[in-house]
Amino acid sequence: MNIIHQTVLGNDGNPEAVIIPWDVFLEIQNLVDDGEPTPEELEAINEAEADRKAGNTDAFTDLEDLKVELSL
């Protein structure tokens, strides 16, 4: 997400705050406040939990493989 913003600098020249458009703030606030997963996200969570309980390790990505995939 690319957010158009203004950076507010302190007396020391370091960033202290940002100013963003109101509609962007409301969108972010809704994401944070809502916090409820979508039906699709809930389904994926439930499937992952079932796989974990069943010991189905093939359903998951190894941490080292994920680091490589994300170039970490």
Protein backbone atom coordinates (compact mmCIF):
# COMPACT_ATOMS: atom_id res chain seq x y z
CA MET A 1 0.00 0.00 0.00
CA ASN A 2 1.42 3.35 -0.98
CA ILE A 3 0.19 6.10 1.36
CA ILE A 4 0.60 9.76 0.47
CA HIS A 5 1.73 11.47 3.65
CA GLN A 6 3.62 14.35 5.17
CA THR A 7 6.34 13.68 7.73
CA VAL A 8 6.57 15.91 10.81
CA LEU A 9 10.14 16.32 12.03
CA GLY A 10 11.16 17.11 15.57
CA ASN A 11 13.72 19.72 16.61
CA ASP A 12 16.44 17.09 16.21
CA GLY A 13 15.41 16.48 12.59
CA ASN A 14 14.10 12.98 13.24
CA PRO A 15 10.59 11.94 12.18
CA GLU A 16 8.05 12.26 14.98
CA ALA A 17 4.67 11.99 13.27
CA VAL A 18 2.93 11.74 9.92
CA ILE A 19 -0.10 13.37 8.39
CA ILE A 20 -2.22 11.11 6.19
CA PRO A 21 -5.48 11.65 4.31
CA TRP A 22 -8.57 11.16 6.50
CA ASP A 23 -10.02 8.39 4.31
CA VAL A 24 -6.77 6.43 4.58
CA PHE A 25 -6.83 6.86 8.36
CA LEU A 26 -10.41 5.55 8.50
CA GLU A 27 -9.49 2.54 6.36
CA ILE A 28 -6.55 1.69 8.62
CA GLN A 29 -8.64 2.27 11.74
CA ASN A 30 -11.32 -0.10 10.46
CA LEU A 31 -8.71 -2.77 9.80
CA VAL A 32 -7.24 -2.40 13.28
CA ASP A 33 -10.48 -1.97 15.19
CA ASP A 34 -12.44 -4.61 13.34
CA GLY A 35 -9.86 -7.30 13.83
CA GLU A 36 -12.36 -9.97 12.83
CA PRO A 37 -11.19 -12.34 10.12
CA THR A 38 -13.13 -12.55 6.88
CA PRO A 39 -15.00 -15.82 6.21
CA GLU A 40 -12.18 -16.85 3.86
CA GLU A 41 -9.52 -16.09 6.48
CA LEU A 42 -11.50 -17.97 9.13
CA GLU A 43 -11.77 -20.99 6.83
CA ALA A 44 -8.00 -20.95 6.23
CA ILE A 45 -7.35 -20.65 9.97
CA ASN A 46 -9.64 -23.59 10.69
CA GLU A 47 -8.00 -25.70 7.97
CA ALA A 48 -4.53 -24.90 9.32
CA GLU A 49 -5.63 -25.78 12.86
CA ALA A 50 -7.07 -29.10 11.65
CA ASP A 51 -3.83 -29.89 9.79
CA ARG A 52 -1.78 -29.02 12.87
CA LYS A 53 -3.89 -31.24 15.11
CA ALA A 54 -3.66 -34.07 12.57
CA GLY A 55 0.12 -33.70 12.39
CA ASN A 56 -0.03 -32.94 8.66
CA THR A 57 3.33 -31.16 8.37
CA ASP A 58 3.12 -31.24 4.55
CA ALA A 59 0.42 -28.55 4.80
CA PHE A 60 2.94 -26.08 6.20
CA THR A 61 6.04 -24.33 4.89
CA ASP A 62 9.29 -24.93 6.75
CA LEU A 63 10.61 -21.75 8.38
CA GLU A 64 13.96 -21.97 6.58
CA ASP A 65 12.20 -22.42 3.22
CA LEU A 66 10.00 -19.43 3.99
CA LYS A 67 13.05 -17.29 4.80
CA VAL A 68 14.55 -18.21 1.44
CA GLU A 69 11.28 -17.48 -0.35
CA LEU A 70 11.03 -14.07 1.33
CA SER A 71 14.75 -13.34 0.84
CA LEU A 72 15.32 -12.93 4.58
